């Protein structure tokens, strides 16, 4: 498990370094995740250790929401004062995400109709 965490953190670090070096407007962990994905594509498979380690992390994913919940409680007064823009952003982004997902699904299944 330590090796898996080290690999994931290494890719995140590389992503952060790339973002800072090129002043990109993308979070470093997203770049790191993309690099990990490209590495796995190049290898053609996911190693057994990485598969087992990430499965264990996913089983405890709900624990990773505790800091976010604490942050919400810490900034509750600000959320109360800015509830309208937050609500609008959540609604618009939800529908935009659903629309993009639908368009991508339609584009991907267009050639695979039975």
C-alpha atoms as a PDB file:
ATOM      1  CA  UNK A   1       0.000   0.000   0.000  1.00  0.00           C
ATOM      2  CA  UNK A   2       2.903   2.369   0.757  1.00  0.00           C
ATOM      3  CA  UNK A   3       4.268   1.804  -2.751  1.00  0.00           C
ATOM      4  CA  UNK A   4       0.898   2.638  -4.297  1.00  0.00           C
ATOM      5  CA  UNK A   5       0.588   5.840  -2.270  1.00  0.00           C
ATOM      6  CA  UNK A   6       4.143   6.765  -3.245  1.00  0.00           C
ATOM      7  CA  UNK A   7       3.338   6.255  -6.935  1.00  0.00           C
ATOM      8  CA  UNK A   8       0.165   8.335  -6.725  1.00  0.00           C
ATOM      9  CA  UNK A   9       1.921  11.118  -4.815  1.00  0.00           C
ATOM     10  CA  UNK A  10       4.830  11.058  -7.255  1.00  0.00           C
ATOM     11  CA  UNK A  11       2.493  11.590 -10.199  1.00  0.00           C
ATOM     12  CA  UNK A  12       0.760  14.381  -8.280  1.00  0.00           C
ATOM     13  CA  UNK A  13       4.134  15.998  -7.567  1.00  0.00           C
ATOM     14  CA  UNK A  14       5.134  15.809 -11.230  1.00  0.00           C
ATOM     15  CA  UNK A  15       1.793  17.359 -12.154  1.00  0.00           C
ATOM     16  CA  UNK A  16       2.356  20.197  -9.669  1.00  0.00           C
ATOM     17  CA  UNK A  17       5.858  20.793 -11.025  1.00  0.00           C
ATOM     18  CA  UNK A  18       4.543  20.969 -14.601  1.00  0.00           C
ATOM     19  CA  UNK A  19       1.780  23.389 -13.601  1.00  0.00           C
ATOM     20  CA  UNK A  20       4.213  25.670 -11.780  1.00  0.00           C
ATOM     21  CA  UNK A  21       6.878  25.472 -14.505  1.00  0.00           C
ATOM     22  CA  UNK A  22       4.465  26.405 -17.299  1.00  0.00           C
ATOM     23  CA  UNK A  23       1.995  28.513 -15.246  1.00  0.00           C
ATOM     24  CA  UNK A  24      -0.920  26.370 -16.400  1.00  0.00           C
ATOM     25  CA  UNK A  25      -4.451  27.125 -15.147  1.00  0.00           C
ATOM     26  CA  UNK A  26      -5.064  23.426 -14.400  1.00  0.00           C
ATOM     27  CA  UNK A  27      -4.657  21.800 -10.971  1.00  0.00           C
ATOM     28  CA  UNK A  28      -1.472  19.779 -10.611  1.00  0.00           C
ATOM     29  CA  UNK A  29      -3.286  16.613  -9.485  1.00  0.00           C
ATOM     30  CA  UNK A  30      -5.306  16.660 -12.722  1.00  0.00           C
ATOM     31  CA  UNK A  31      -2.094  16.798 -14.769  1.00  0.00           C
ATOM     32  CA  UNK A  32      -0.651  14.016 -12.600  1.00  0.00           C
ATOM     33  CA  UNK A  33      -3.748  11.891 -13.110  1.00  0.00           C
ATOM     34  CA  UNK A  34      -3.531  12.401 -16.869  1.00  0.00           C
ATOM     35  CA  UNK A  35       0.149  11.407 -16.796  1.00  0.00           C
ATOM     36  CA  UNK A  36      -0.688   8.271 -14.809  1.00  0.00           C
ATOM     37  CA  UNK A  37      -3.412   7.443 -17.331  1.00  0.00           C
ATOM     38  CA  UNK A  38      -0.981   7.890 -20.235  1.00  0.00           C
ATOM     39  CA  UNK A  39       1.569   5.709 -18.452  1.00  0.00           C
ATOM     40  CA  UNK A  40      -0.997   2.965 -17.965  1.00  0.00           C
ATOM     41  CA  UNK A  41      -2.038   3.235 -21.615  1.00  0.00           C
ATOM     42  CA  UNK A  42       1.579   2.933 -22.716  1.00  0.00           C
ATOM     43  CA  UNK A  43       2.118  -0.116 -20.476  1.00  0.00           C
ATOM     44  CA  UNK A  44      -1.116  -1.670 -21.712  1.00  0.00           C
ATOM     45  CA  UNK A  45      -2.113  -2.922 -18.277  1.00  0.00           C
ATOM     46  CA  UNK A  46      -2.491  -1.987 -14.618  1.00  0.00           C
ATOM     47  CA  UNK A  47      -0.111  -3.798 -12.293  1.00  0.00           C
ATOM     48  CA  UNK A  48      -1.628  -6.043  -9.634  1.00  0.00           C
ATOM     49  CA  UNK A  49      -0.143  -3.993  -6.768  1.00  0.00           C
ATOM     50  CA  UNK A  50      -1.565  -0.740  -8.166  1.00  0.00           C
ATOM     51  CA  UNK A  51      -4.949  -2.374  -8.796  1.00  0.00           C
ATOM     52  CA  UNK A  52      -5.179  -3.750  -5.253  1.00  0.00           C
ATOM     53  CA  UNK A  53      -3.912  -0.558  -3.616  1.00  0.00           C
ATOM     54  CA  UNK A  54      -6.267   1.741  -5.467  1.00  0.00           C
ATOM     55  CA  UNK A  55      -9.184  -0.613  -4.788  1.00  0.00           C
ATOM     56  CA  UNK A  56      -8.423  -0.327  -1.077  1.00  0.00           C
ATOM     57  CA  UNK A  57      -8.332   3.467  -1.364  1.00  0.00           C
ATOM     58  CA  UNK A  58     -11.658   3.516  -3.193  1.00  0.00           C
ATOM     59  CA  UNK A  59     -13.270   1.436  -0.452  1.00  0.00           C
ATOM     60  CA  UNK A  60     -12.443   4.228   2.000  1.00  0.00           C
ATOM     61  CA  UNK A  61     -13.155   7.137  -0.334  1.00  0.00           C
ATOM     62  CA  UNK A  62     -15.823   8.555   1.967  1.00  0.00           C
ATOM     63  CA  UNK A  63     -13.121   9.388   4.516  1.00  0.00           C
ATOM     64  CA  UNK A  64     -11.632  11.838   2.029  1.00  0.00           C
ATOM     65  CA  UNK A  65     -14.796  13.948   2.247  1.00  0.00           C
ATOM     66  CA  UNK A  66     -14.262  14.714   5.937  1.00  0.00           C
ATOM     67  CA  UNK A  67     -11.876  17.647   5.253  1.00  0.00           C
ATOM     68  CA  UNK A  68     -14.349  19.085   2.736  1.00  0.00           C
ATOM     69  CA  UNK A  69     -17.167  18.814   5.272  1.00  0.00           C
ATOM     70  CA  UNK A  70     -15.010  20.505   7.889  1.00  0.00           C
ATOM     71  CA  UNK A  71     -14.256  23.286   5.409  1.00  0.00           C
ATOM     72  CA  UNK A  72     -17.957  23.802   4.789  1.00  0.00           C
ATOM     73  CA  UNK A  73     -18.595  24.057   8.522  1.00  0.00           C
ATOM     74  CA  UNK A  74     -15.676  26.470   8.904  1.00  0.00           C
ATOM     75  CA  UNK A  75     -17.002  28.783   6.185  1.00  0.00           C
ATOM     76  CA  UNK A  76     -20.715  28.330   6.881  1.00  0.00           C
ATOM     77  CA  UNK A  77     -21.304  32.053   7.397  1.00  0.00           C
ATOM     78  CA  UNK A  78     -19.759  32.863   4.020  1.00  0.00           C
ATOM     79  CA  UNK A  79     -21.870  30.171   2.361  1.00  0.00           C
ATOM     80  CA  UNK A  80     -24.979  31.648   3.989  1.00  0.00           C
ATOM     81  CA  UNK A  81     -24.154  35.120   2.661  1.00  0.00           C
ATOM     82  CA  UNK A  82     -23.347  33.881  -0.871  1.00  0.00           C
ATOM     83  CA  UNK A  83     -25.941  31.122  -1.218  1.00  0.00           C
ATOM     84  CA  UNK A  84     -27.497  32.442  -4.433  1.00  0.00           C
ATOM     85  CA  UNK A  85     -24.356  32.446  -6.642  1.00  0.00           C
ATOM     86  CA  UNK A  86     -23.331  29.093  -5.182  1.00  0.00           C
ATOM     87  CA  UNK A  87     -26.747  27.599  -5.941  1.00  0.00           C
ATOM     88  CA  UNK A  88     -26.789  29.011  -9.481  1.00  0.00           C
ATOM     89  CA  UNK A  89     -23.271  27.684 -10.135  1.00  0.00           C
ATOM     90  CA  UNK A  90     -24.236  24.231  -8.853  1.00  0.00           C
ATOM     91  CA  UNK A  91     -27.390  24.067 -10.967  1.00  0.00           C
ATOM     92  CA  UNK A  92     -25.766  25.398 -14.142  1.00  0.00           C
ATOM     93  CA  UNK A  93     -22.703  23.132 -13.795  1.00  0.00           C
ATOM     94  CA  UNK A  94     -24.892  20.084 -13.121  1.00  0.00           C
ATOM     95  CA  UNK A  95     -26.969  20.635 -16.244  1.00  0.00           C
ATOM     96  CA  UNK A  96     -23.876  21.511 -18.308  1.00  0.00           C
ATOM     97  CA  UNK A  97     -22.213  18.288 -17.161  1.00  0.00           C
ATOM     98  CA  UNK A  98     -25.292  16.247 -18.033  1.00  0.00           C
ATOM     99  CA  UNK A  99     -25.551  17.906 -21.447  1.00  0.00           C
ATOM    100  CA  UNK A 100     -21.893  17.308 -22.273  1.00  0.00           C
ATOM    101  CA  UNK A 101     -22.150  13.705 -21.093  1.00  0.00           C
ATOM    102  CA  UNK A 102     -25.198  13.177 -23.293  1.00  0.00           C
ATOM    103  CA  UNK A 103     -23.500  14.721 -26.327  1.00  0.00           C
ATOM    104  CA  UNK A 104     -20.354  12.639 -25.815  1.00  0.00           C
ATOM    105  CA  UNK A 105     -22.430   9.480 -25.379  1.00  0.00           C
ATOM    106  CA  UNK A 106     -24.386  10.236 -28.535  1.00  0.00           C
ATOM    107  CA  UNK A 107     -21.178  10.894 -30.483  1.00  0.00           C
ATOM    108  CA  UNK A 108     -19.561   7.703 -29.213  1.00  0.00           C
ATOM    109  CA  UNK A 109     -22.572   5.476 -29.892  1.00  0.00           C
ATOM    110  CA  UNK A 110     -23.389   6.946 -33.297  1.00  0.00           C
ATOM    111  CA  UNK A 111     -21.108   4.474 -35.098  1.00  0.00           C
ATOM    112  CA  UNK A 112     -22.076   1.546 -32.864  1.00  0.00           C
ATOM    113  CA  UNK A 113     -25.847   1.441 -33.465  1.00  0.00           C
ATOM    114  CA  UNK A 114     -27.235  -2.085 -33.765  1.00  0.00           C
END
